[in-house]
Amino acid sequence: MRIVSIFEHRKNCLYAVLYEDNDFDALEILQEQWSDPEELRKIFNQFKKDYEAFYGRAKISLIVEKAIKDADLLFEKLFELSGDESGKNLSEFFKPLYNKEAGNLFDLQQLKGYGMLWNSFLRIYAIRYGKSYVITGGAIKLTEKMNDRSHTKTELYKLNLVRDYLKEFGKEAEFVFLDI
């Protein structure tokens, strides 16, 4: 896998992981998944009980519409925030993955960003790397803990994989295209 710049005209701030055997980076994959009504319908049907436990009953079509709208707003916000090369705005968007780390900022910290709509179930995951952020993936999170479902457990695995790589090789590698 490689770590690539997301927005060519806004370098040194926001990156995404490009996983092996994939033509799209982690952010592009999320954009594709979260804009596909059929894919979203499958997810919400598969995890209907989880959704209802967290958010109450609702028609799948309304949930899908909410997800698409929330995703659009989320991606627009990321694009807007990536224009700030200081990373200050992105540091306000991304929160520590573990709530006990709230208020503490440190290098290689695992982070989560929320969708823009109130009570959003969209999560985008990243690693803080200096003033930059590396997006590792994202998920529709409908349970309290990431270990509760395989798709969120996979996202936790990716966060750990990228963090460990950056810890070991980050300072020696060229960051625009890191080979992992």
Protein backbone atom coordinates (compact mmCIF):
# COMPACT_ATOMS: atom_id res chain seq x y z
CA MET A 1 0.00 0.00 0.00
CA ARG A 2 0.98 3.63 -0.46
CA ILE A 3 0.07 6.87 1.22
CA VAL A 4 -0.94 9.44 -1.35
CA SER A 5 -1.92 13.07 -1.42
CA ILE A 6 -5.67 13.42 -1.84
CA PHE A 7 -5.99 16.91 -3.28
CA GLU A 8 -3.15 17.70 -5.69
CA HIS A 9 -3.42 21.46 -5.21
CA ARG A 10 -3.51 21.13 -1.41
CA LYS A 11 -0.48 19.04 -0.51
CA ASN A 12 1.17 18.41 2.85
CA CYS A 13 -2.04 18.25 4.83
CA LEU A 14 -4.42 15.43 3.99
CA TYR A 15 -3.43 12.02 2.70
CA ALA A 16 -5.13 8.67 2.21
CA VAL A 17 -3.93 5.10 2.10
CA LEU A 18 -4.00 3.40 -1.28
CA TYR A 19 -4.29 -0.29 -0.44
CA GLU A 20 -2.75 -3.01 -2.60
CA ASP A 21 -4.94 -4.53 -5.31
CA ASN A 22 -7.13 -1.43 -5.32
CA ASP A 23 -7.33 1.38 -7.83
CA PHE A 24 -8.85 3.79 -5.31
CA ASP A 25 -7.49 5.29 -2.11
CA ALA A 26 -9.36 4.99 1.20
CA LEU A 27 -11.25 8.26 0.74
CA GLU A 28 -12.30 7.42 -2.82
CA ILE A 29 -13.58 4.05 -1.61
CA LEU A 30 -15.72 5.77 1.03
CA GLN A 31 -17.04 8.27 -1.51
CA GLU A 32 -18.03 5.39 -3.77
CA GLN A 33 -19.66 3.33 -1.00
CA TRP A 34 -21.47 6.20 0.69
CA SER A 35 -22.98 7.51 -2.56
CA ASP A 36 -24.31 4.13 -3.72
CA PRO A 37 -27.94 3.70 -2.58
CA GLU A 38 -27.92 -0.06 -3.19
CA GLU A 39 -24.73 -0.58 -1.19
CA LEU A 40 -26.12 1.52 1.65
CA ARG A 41 -29.43 -0.34 1.53
CA LYS A 42 -27.54 -3.64 1.95
CA ILE A 43 -25.59 -2.30 4.93
CA PHE A 44 -28.66 -0.94 6.69
CA ASN A 45 -30.64 -4.13 6.06
CA GLN A 46 -27.73 -6.23 7.38
CA PHE A 47 -27.38 -4.11 10.52
CA LYS A 48 -31.02 -3.12 10.95
CA LYS A 49 -31.16 -4.21 14.61
CA ASP A 50 -28.01 -2.20 15.39
CA TYR A 51 -29.46 0.87 13.71
CA GLU A 52 -32.77 0.58 15.55
CA ALA A 53 -31.03 0.08 18.89
CA PHE A 54 -29.03 3.30 18.42
CA TYR A 55 -31.39 5.50 16.41
CA GLY A 56 -34.87 3.97 16.61
CA ARG A 57 -37.09 2.73 13.82
CA ALA A 58 -36.98 4.40 10.42
CA LYS A 59 -37.61 3.52 6.79
CA ILE A 60 -34.49 2.21 5.05
CA SER A 61 -35.04 4.69 2.19
CA LEU A 62 -34.89 7.62 4.65
CA ILE A 63 -31.77 6.25 6.31
CA VAL A 64 -30.09 5.85 2.92
CA GLU A 65 -31.01 9.42 1.93
CA LYS A 66 -29.61 10.70 5.23
CA ALA A 67 -26.37 8.75 4.73
CA ILE A 68 -25.85 10.12 1.20
CA LYS A 69 -26.55 13.71 2.28
CA ASP A 70 -24.31 13.36 5.34
CA ALA A 71 -21.50 11.86 3.24
CA ASP A 72 -21.70 14.69 0.71
CA LEU A 73 -21.44 17.25 3.51
CA LEU A 74 -18.57 15.34 5.11
CA PHE A 75 -16.50 15.21 1.91
CA GLU A 76 -17.16 18.89 1.20
CA LYS A 77 -15.99 19.75 4.73
CA LEU A 78 -12.79 17.71 4.31
CA PHE A 79 -12.03 19.49 1.04
CA GLU A 80 -12.62 22.86 2.68
CA LEU A 81 -10.50 22.04 5.73
CA SER A 82 -7.64 20.62 3.69
CA GLY A 83 -6.91 24.11 2.35
CA ASP A 84 -5.47 25.09 5.74
CA GLU A 85 -1.84 23.96 5.57
CA SER A 86 -1.36 24.49 9.29
CA GLY A 87 -3.67 21.54 9.94
CA LYS A 88 -5.44 23.52 12.68
CA ASN A 89 -8.90 23.11 11.18
CA LEU A 90 -8.38 19.41 10.54
CA SER A 91 -7.29 19.00 14.16
CA GLU A 92 -10.67 20.38 15.18
CA PHE A 93 -12.49 18.03 12.79
CA PHE A 94 -10.68 14.83 13.77
CA LYS A 95 -11.19 13.71 17.37
CA PRO A 96 -9.17 11.09 19.25
CA LEU A 97 -10.43 7.58 18.54
CA TYR A 98 -10.37 6.88 22.25
CA ASN A 99 -12.44 9.35 24.24
CA LYS A 100 -10.01 9.16 27.17
CA GLU A 101 -7.46 10.96 24.96
CA ALA A 102 -9.76 13.97 24.48
CA GLY A 103 -7.81 17.21 24.80
CA ASN A 104 -4.49 15.48 24.13
CA LEU A 105 -2.87 15.79 20.72
CA PHE A 106 0.14 13.68 19.78
CA ASP A 107 1.87 12.29 16.72
CA LEU A 108 0.58 8.97 15.36
CA GLN A 109 -2.66 9.40 17.27
CA GLN A 110 -5.60 7.38 15.98
CA LEU A 111 -8.50 9.65 15.08
CA LYS A 112 -12.13 9.65 14.03
CA GLY A 113 -14.19 12.22 12.20
CA TYR A 114 -17.96 12.33 12.27
CA GLY A 115 -20.48 13.06 9.56
CA MET A 116 -21.85 16.58 9.55
CA LEU A 117 -25.48 15.84 10.41
CA TRP A 118 -26.59 15.61 14.01
CA ASN A 119 -26.26 12.12 15.47
CA SER A 120 -24.31 10.87 12.45
CA PHE A 121 -23.36 7.22 12.08
CA LEU A 122 -20.64 7.97 9.48
CA ARG A 123 -17.06 7.70 10.69
CA ILE A 124 -13.87 8.47 8.86
CA TYR A 125 -10.64 7.23 10.45
CA ALA A 126 -7.19 8.79 10.25
CA ILE A 127 -3.75 8.94 11.83
CA ARG A 128 -2.17 12.25 12.86
CA TYR A 129 1.29 12.53 11.33
CA GLY A 130 2.90 15.83 12.30
CA LYS A 131 0.61 18.51 10.86
CA SER A 132 -0.77 16.03 8.34
CA TYR A 133 -3.57 13.49 8.51
CA VAL A 134 -3.62 10.09 6.82
CA ILE A 135 -7.08 8.69 6.16
CA THR A 136 -7.09 4.92 6.64
CA GLY A 137 -10.77 4.25 5.95
CA GLY A 138 -14.21 4.70 7.40
CA ALA A 139 -17.38 2.92 8.39
CA ILE A 140 -21.01 3.21 9.22
CA LYS A 141 -20.77 2.74 12.96
CA LEU A 142 -23.96 1.56 14.62
CA THR A 143 -22.57 -0.01 17.79
CA GLU A 144 -20.82 1.46 20.80
CA LYS A 145 -17.47 -0.30 20.29
CA MET A 146 -15.51 -0.96 17.13
CA ASN A 147 -14.85 -4.55 18.18
CA ASP A 148 -18.60 -5.28 18.12
CA ARG A 149 -18.79 -5.77 14.32
CA SER A 150 -16.37 -7.14 11.74
CA HIS A 151 -16.47 -4.09 9.43
CA THR A 152 -15.50 -1.70 12.25
CA LYS A 153 -12.97 -4.19 13.59
CA THR A 154 -11.35 -4.12 10.13
CA GLU A 155 -11.11 -0.32 10.34
CA LEU A 156 -9.39 -0.60 13.73
CA TYR A 157 -6.93 -3.08 12.22
CA LYS A 158 -6.14 -0.62 9.39
CA LEU A 159 -5.60 2.20 11.88
CA ASN A 160 -3.13 0.05 13.82
CA LEU A 161 -1.36 -1.13 10.66
CA VAL A 162 -0.76 2.37 9.31
CA ARG A 163 0.19 3.78 12.74
CA ASP A 164 2.73 1.01 13.30
CA TYR A 165 4.22 1.51 9.85
CA LEU A 166 4.58 5.25 10.33
CA LYS A 167 6.10 4.66 13.76
CA GLU A 168 8.73 2.38 12.27
CA PHE A 169 9.47 3.95 8.87
CA GLY A 170 7.77 7.34 8.66
CA LYS A 171 10.77 9.55 9.31
CA GLU A 172 12.95 7.76 6.76
CA ALA A 173 10.47 7.58 3.90
CA GLU A 174 9.22 10.15 1.43
CA PHE A 175 5.72 10.87 2.66
CA VAL A 176 3.99 11.68 -0.61
CA PHE A 177 4.24 8.05 -1.77
CA LEU A 178 5.15 5.81 1.14
CA ASP A 179 5.38 2.13 0.28
CA ILE A 180 4.13 -0.08 3.07
